C-alpha atoms as a PDB file:
ATOM      1  CA  MET A   1      23.856  53.787  44.544  1.00  0.00           C
ATOM      2  CA  ILE A   2      24.399  55.579  41.278  1.00  0.00           C
ATOM      3  CA  ALA A   3      23.059  59.145  41.313  1.00  0.00           C
ATOM      4  CA  GLN A   4      20.240  59.818  38.885  1.00  0.00           C
ATOM      5  CA  THR A   5      21.313  63.003  37.151  1.00  0.00           C
ATOM      6  CA  PRO A   6      19.564  65.017  34.437  1.00  0.00           C
ATOM      7  CA  PRO A   7      20.853  65.223  30.884  1.00  0.00           C
ATOM      8  CA  PRO A   8      24.167  67.145  30.681  1.00  0.00           C
ATOM      9  CA  PRO A   9      25.537  69.658  31.061  1.00  0.00           C
ATOM     10  CA  TYR A  10      25.883  69.756  34.838  1.00  0.00           C
ATOM     11  CA  TYR A  11      28.811  69.815  37.252  1.00  0.00           C
ATOM     12  CA  ALA A  12      30.615  67.236  39.354  1.00  0.00           C
ATOM     13  CA  VAL A  13      32.640  67.971  42.476  1.00  0.00           C
ATOM     14  CA  VAL A  14      35.105  65.147  43.097  1.00  0.00           C
ATOM     15  CA  PHE A  15      36.412  65.074  46.672  1.00  0.00           C
ATOM     16  CA  THR A  16      39.216  62.569  47.261  1.00  0.00           C
ATOM     17  CA  SER A  17      40.435  62.277  50.848  1.00  0.00           C
ATOM     18  CA  LEU A  18      42.951  60.453  52.995  1.00  0.00           C
ATOM     19  CA  ARG A  19      41.611  59.728  56.474  1.00  0.00           C
ATOM     20  CA  SER A  20      43.467  60.146  59.713  1.00  0.00           C
ATOM     21  CA  ASP A  21      43.112  57.614  62.536  1.00  0.00           C
ATOM     22  CA  ILE A  22      40.789  59.980  64.405  1.00  0.00           C
ATOM     23  CA  ASP A  23      37.042  59.370  64.181  1.00  0.00           C
ATOM     24  CA  ASN A  24      35.719  61.807  66.792  1.00  0.00           C
ATOM     25  CA  GLY A  25      32.316  62.247  65.154  1.00  0.00           C
ATOM     26  CA  TYR A  26      33.420  61.842  61.528  1.00  0.00           C
ATOM     27  CA  SER A  27      30.726  59.331  60.568  1.00  0.00           C
ATOM     28  CA  SER A  28      27.854  61.346  62.000  1.00  0.00           C
ATOM     29  CA  MET A  29      29.185  64.563  60.434  1.00  0.00           C
ATOM     30  CA  ALA A  30      29.504  62.855  57.032  1.00  0.00           C
ATOM     31  CA  MET A  31      25.872  61.698  57.208  1.00  0.00           C
ATOM     32  CA  TYR A  32      24.739  65.156  58.311  1.00  0.00           C
ATOM     33  CA  MET A  33      26.675  66.857  55.483  1.00  0.00           C
ATOM     34  CA  GLU A  34      24.996  64.602  52.927  1.00  0.00           C
ATOM     35  CA  GLU A  35      21.549  65.376  54.366  1.00  0.00           C
ATOM     36  CA  LEU A  36      22.325  69.101  54.360  1.00  0.00           C
ATOM     37  CA  ALA A  37      23.726  68.983  50.803  1.00  0.00           C
ATOM     38  CA  ARG A  38      20.523  67.327  49.552  1.00  0.00           C
ATOM     39  CA  GLU A  39      18.582  70.376  50.773  1.00  0.00           C
ATOM     40  CA  GLN A  40      20.757  72.867  48.869  1.00  0.00           C
ATOM     41  CA  PRO A  41      19.387  74.516  45.713  1.00  0.00           C
ATOM     42  CA  GLY A  42      21.037  72.997  42.661  1.00  0.00           C
ATOM     43  CA  PHE A  43      21.965  69.678  44.283  1.00  0.00           C
ATOM     44  CA  LEU A  44      21.484  66.779  41.839  1.00  0.00           C
ATOM     45  CA  GLY A  45      22.938  63.742  43.614  1.00  0.00           C
ATOM     46  CA  VAL A  46      25.925  62.158  45.293  1.00  0.00           C
ATOM     47  CA  GLU A  47      28.003  58.986  45.075  1.00  0.00           C
ATOM     48  CA  SER A  48      30.564  57.967  47.680  1.00  0.00           C
ATOM     49  CA  SER A  49      32.968  55.150  48.416  1.00  0.00           C
ATOM     50  CA  ARG A  50      35.507  54.734  51.200  1.00  0.00           C
ATOM     51  CA  ASP A  51      37.917  52.071  52.335  1.00  0.00           C
ATOM     52  CA  GLU A  52      40.116  52.166  55.430  1.00  0.00           C
ATOM     53  CA  ALA A  53      42.161  55.151  54.247  1.00  0.00           C
ATOM     54  CA  VAL A  54      40.914  56.647  50.964  1.00  0.00           C
ATOM     55  CA  GLY A  55      37.505  58.097  50.212  1.00  0.00           C
ATOM     56  CA  ILE A  56      36.028  59.454  47.009  1.00  0.00           C
ATOM     57  CA  THR A  57      32.785  61.419  47.007  1.00  0.00           C
ATOM     58  CA  VAL A  58      31.306  62.844  43.823  1.00  0.00           C
ATOM     59  CA  SER A  59      28.561  65.429  44.228  1.00  0.00           C
ATOM     60  CA  TYR A  60      26.538  66.658  41.268  1.00  0.00           C
ATOM     61  CA  CYS A  61      25.184  70.198  40.957  1.00  0.00           C
ATOM     62  CA  ASP A  62      23.341  72.147  38.303  1.00  0.00           C
ATOM     63  CA  SER A  63      25.700  75.157  38.249  1.00  0.00           C
ATOM     64  CA  LEU A  64      28.964  76.634  39.445  1.00  0.00           C
ATOM     65  CA  GLU A  65      26.915  79.052  41.550  1.00  0.00           C
ATOM     66  CA  SER A  66      25.318  76.200  43.513  1.00  0.00           C
ATOM     67  CA  ILE A  67      28.787  74.723  44.130  1.00  0.00           C
ATOM     68  CA  LYS A  68      30.038  78.086  45.434  1.00  0.00           C
ATOM     69  CA  ALA A  69      26.992  78.429  47.676  1.00  0.00           C
ATOM     70  CA  TRP A  70      27.568  74.971  49.161  1.00  0.00           C
ATOM     71  CA  LYS A  71      31.249  75.716  49.791  1.00  0.00           C
ATOM     72  CA  ALA A  72      30.209  78.898  51.644  1.00  0.00           C
ATOM     73  CA  ASN A  73      27.496  77.168  53.741  1.00  0.00           C
ATOM     74  CA  MET A  74      28.367  77.876  57.385  1.00  0.00           C
ATOM     75  CA  GLN A  75      27.764  74.331  58.641  1.00  0.00           C
ATOM     76  CA  HIS A  76      29.788  72.943  55.732  1.00  0.00           C
ATOM     77  CA  THR A  77      32.575  75.403  56.591  1.00  0.00           C
ATOM     78  CA  VAL A  78      32.677  74.039  60.158  1.00  0.00           C
ATOM     79  CA  ALA A  79      32.931  70.475  58.788  1.00  0.00           C
ATOM     80  CA  GLN A  80      35.736  71.562  56.429  1.00  0.00           C
ATOM     81  CA  GLU A  81      37.692  73.067  59.328  1.00  0.00           C
ATOM     82  CA  ARG A  82      37.286  69.914  61.422  1.00  0.00           C
ATOM     83  CA  GLY A  83      38.316  67.840  58.431  1.00  0.00           C
ATOM     84  CA  ARG A  84      41.604  69.721  58.099  1.00  0.00           C
ATOM     85  CA  ALA A  85      42.207  69.704  61.867  1.00  0.00           C
ATOM     86  CA  GLU A  86      41.155  66.132  62.724  1.00  0.00           C
ATOM     87  CA  TRP A  87      39.809  63.789  60.078  1.00  0.00           C
ATOM     88  CA  TYR A  88      42.031  64.074  57.003  1.00  0.00           C
ATOM     89  CA  THR A  89      45.738  63.831  56.401  1.00  0.00           C
ATOM     90  CA  GLY A  90      45.129  65.210  52.914  1.00  0.00           C
ATOM     91  CA  TYR A  91      42.475  65.814  50.295  1.00  0.00           C
ATOM     92  CA  LYS A  92      41.935  67.152  46.808  1.00  0.00           C
ATOM     93  CA  THR A  93      38.805  68.695  45.322  1.00  0.00           C
ATOM     94  CA  ARG A  94      38.190  68.801  41.583  1.00  0.00           C
ATOM     95  CA  ILE A  95      35.315  70.590  39.873  1.00  0.00           C
ATOM     96  CA  CYS A  96      34.352  69.249  36.464  1.00  0.00           C
ATOM     97  CA  LYS A  97      31.749  70.041  33.856  1.00  0.00           C
ATOM     98  CA  VAL A  98      29.913  66.922  32.707  1.00  0.00           C
ATOM     99  CA  GLU A  99      29.478  67.225  28.962  1.00  0.00           C
ATOM    100  CA  ARG A 100      28.236  63.707  28.316  1.00  0.00           C
ATOM    101  CA  ASP A 101      26.996  60.712  30.274  1.00  0.00           C
ATOM    102  CA  TYR A 102      25.563  57.319  29.455  1.00  0.00           C
ATOM    103  CA  GLU A 103      24.533  54.277  31.443  1.00  0.00           C
ATOM    104  CA  PHE A 104      23.890  50.569  31.439  1.00  0.00           C
END
């Protein structure tokens, strides 16, 4: 699904990850994190795609403050720690300001 976002400006958090061979609850945690993120003030939408090894998730937020609050969320912090310890061999997070969008 393509996230339905408001007119710009808003922010995108691009999370690109390389998975390890360990599942150990990854799928259920990923679903829970998305549910939890949707409840956060400032959340606008999410898009995600994953193949066997590489995943890209783009989350949209209304402000840098809402991004900081999500990063500091205690349950999200636990998921981040497990990600580094078990689920990912590497990742990169990019925060971008969306100045313009258009669609077909």
